[in-house]
Amino acid sequence: MKSLIILRGLPGSGKSTLARVLSENKFPVLSIDDYFTNPQTGEYKFEFSENHLAYKHCEERTKAFMENGVKKIFLDNTFTLEWEMEPYFKMAAEYNYHVFVVTVENRHGSGNIHDISNEQLKKMAEKYKVVLFGNH
């Protein structure tokens, strides 16, 4: 069974860490953050004006792995809004992947690496939707 595992949650919840643990360094872990991270230095530099390019980049990479039949693909993004996940559901259907959506919560009390204020996090949390009964 081919699987797309979507890890969603607010910044600092531990999505990236959990994705790396679950992937066991055998399967790809993709994120919108990858677009803003320098591969040589690991430095993260977010540019809001390029956010749409980051979404596209992540989608294209996911599609490439699906086209190659990779058994498991992990995505870690906030996915606070339903439309952010929709392209991945469509790709999964097209390439016959089972989708698992895992919500990650910050139960460990760590901060986020993106310097997002608590006020901004609260606003994001208010928009966050949990889907019941398989509707998306």
Protein backbone atom coordinates (compact mmCIF):
# COMPACT_ATOMS: atom_id res chain seq x y z
CA MET A 1 0.00 0.00 0.00
CA LYS A 2 1.34 3.40 -0.97
CA SER A 3 0.77 6.05 1.69
CA LEU A 4 0.78 9.82 1.92
CA ILE A 5 1.13 10.83 5.55
CA ILE A 6 0.19 14.45 6.19
CA LEU A 7 1.36 15.85 9.51
CA ARG A 8 -0.47 19.06 10.30
CA GLY A 9 -0.34 21.40 13.25
CA LEU A 10 0.67 24.83 14.41
CA PRO A 11 4.29 25.98 14.18
CA GLY A 12 6.33 24.46 16.98
CA SER A 13 4.07 21.46 17.44
CA GLY A 14 6.78 18.99 16.40
CA LYS A 15 5.56 18.08 12.90
CA SER A 16 9.01 18.08 11.32
CA THR A 17 10.58 16.10 14.14
CA LEU A 18 7.81 13.50 14.08
CA ALA A 19 8.00 13.22 10.28
CA ARG A 20 11.74 12.54 10.48
CA VAL A 21 11.21 9.90 13.19
CA LEU A 22 8.43 8.16 11.28
CA SER A 23 10.30 8.24 7.97
CA GLU A 24 13.31 6.51 9.58
CA ASN A 25 15.46 8.25 6.95
CA LYS A 26 14.04 5.82 4.37
CA PHE A 27 11.23 7.90 2.91
CA PRO A 28 10.97 11.51 1.77
CA VAL A 29 9.86 14.21 4.20
CA LEU A 30 8.59 17.27 2.37
CA SER A 31 7.59 20.67 3.66
CA ILE A 32 6.82 24.13 2.37
CA ASP A 33 9.69 25.21 4.62
CA ASP A 34 12.10 23.35 2.32
CA TYR A 35 11.71 26.13 -0.22
CA PHE A 36 12.92 28.72 2.29
CA THR A 37 15.78 26.62 3.71
CA ASN A 38 19.28 26.88 2.30
CA PRO A 39 20.35 23.26 1.63
CA GLN A 40 24.04 24.03 2.27
CA THR A 41 23.71 25.96 5.53
CA GLY A 42 20.30 24.89 6.82
CA GLU A 43 19.45 28.57 7.32
CA TYR A 44 15.72 29.33 7.13
CA LYS A 45 14.65 32.63 5.60
CA PHE A 46 10.92 33.10 5.04
CA GLU A 47 9.76 35.50 2.32
CA PHE A 48 5.99 36.00 2.34
CA SER A 49 6.03 37.24 -1.25
CA GLU A 50 7.33 33.81 -2.34
CA ASN A 51 4.92 31.72 -0.27
CA HIS A 52 2.88 30.74 -3.34
CA LEU A 53 6.08 29.45 -4.95
CA ALA A 54 6.84 27.38 -1.85
CA TYR A 55 3.40 25.73 -2.03
CA LYS A 56 3.93 24.95 -5.72
CA HIS A 57 7.44 23.59 -5.05
CA CYS A 58 6.15 21.22 -2.38
CA GLU A 59 3.32 20.02 -4.61
CA GLU A 60 5.68 19.40 -7.53
CA ARG A 61 8.11 17.42 -5.37
CA THR A 62 5.26 15.35 -3.93
CA LYS A 63 3.97 14.60 -7.42
CA ALA A 64 7.44 13.52 -8.58
CA PHE A 65 7.73 11.03 -5.71
CA MET A 66 4.23 9.72 -6.46
CA GLU A 67 5.05 9.33 -10.14
CA ASN A 68 8.05 7.22 -9.08
CA GLY A 69 5.83 5.07 -6.86
CA VAL A 70 7.61 5.86 -3.59
CA LYS A 71 5.89 3.72 -0.94
CA LYS A 72 5.58 6.38 1.78
CA ILE A 73 5.69 10.14 1.51
CA PHE A 74 5.57 12.41 4.54
CA LEU A 75 4.36 16.01 4.40
CA ASP A 76 4.78 18.35 7.34
CA ASN A 77 3.08 21.69 6.99
CA THR A 78 0.69 23.67 9.13
CA PHE A 79 -2.28 22.82 6.87
CA THR A 80 -4.55 24.97 9.04
CA LEU A 81 -6.82 25.65 6.06
CA GLU A 82 -8.56 22.94 4.07
CA TRP A 83 -7.51 24.29 0.65
CA GLU A 84 -3.87 23.74 1.59
CA MET A 85 -4.40 19.95 1.66
CA GLU A 86 -6.73 19.67 -1.33
CA PRO A 87 -4.03 19.35 -4.05
CA TYR A 88 -2.48 16.46 -2.12
CA PHE A 89 -5.81 14.63 -1.81
CA LYS A 90 -6.26 14.96 -5.58
CA MET A 91 -2.74 13.72 -6.30
CA ALA A 92 -3.18 10.81 -3.91
CA ALA A 93 -6.36 9.76 -5.71
CA GLU A 94 -4.68 10.07 -9.10
CA TYR A 95 -1.65 7.97 -8.07
CA ASN A 96 -3.54 5.54 -5.82
CA TYR A 97 -2.11 6.62 -2.45
CA HIS A 98 -3.90 6.17 0.85
CA VAL A 99 -3.95 9.44 2.79
CA PHE A 100 -3.46 9.65 6.53
CA VAL A 101 -3.81 13.02 8.23
CA VAL A 102 -2.16 13.30 11.63
CA THR A 103 -2.67 16.37 13.79
CA VAL A 104 0.36 17.14 15.94
CA GLU A 105 -0.04 19.15 19.13
CA ASN A 106 2.60 21.01 21.12
CA ARG A 107 2.33 18.98 24.33
CA HIS A 108 6.08 19.30 24.91
CA GLY A 109 6.02 23.08 25.39
CA SER A 110 8.75 23.95 22.90
CA GLY A 111 8.74 27.18 20.90
CA ASN A 112 8.64 27.39 17.14
CA ILE A 113 11.72 27.98 15.00
CA HIS A 114 9.93 30.55 12.85
CA ASP A 115 9.67 33.28 15.50
CA ILE A 116 5.89 33.33 15.21
CA SER A 117 4.39 35.19 18.15
CA ASN A 118 1.86 33.63 20.52
CA GLU A 119 -0.70 36.13 19.23
CA GLN A 120 -0.18 34.92 15.65
CA LEU A 121 -0.35 31.29 16.81
CA LYS A 122 -3.69 31.96 18.49
CA LYS A 123 -5.05 33.48 15.27
CA MET A 124 -3.87 30.43 13.33
CA ALA A 125 -5.46 28.11 15.89
CA GLU A 126 -8.82 29.87 15.50
CA LYS A 127 -8.82 29.07 11.76
CA TYR A 128 -7.72 25.48 12.32
CA LYS A 129 -10.39 22.94 11.38
CA VAL A 130 -10.63 19.29 12.27
CA VAL A 131 -12.49 17.23 9.70
CA LEU A 132 -14.94 14.63 10.94
CA PHE A 133 -16.38 11.64 9.15
CA GLY A 134 -14.01 11.69 6.17
CA ASN A 135 -15.30 14.87 4.54
CA HIS A 136 -12.65 17.08 2.97
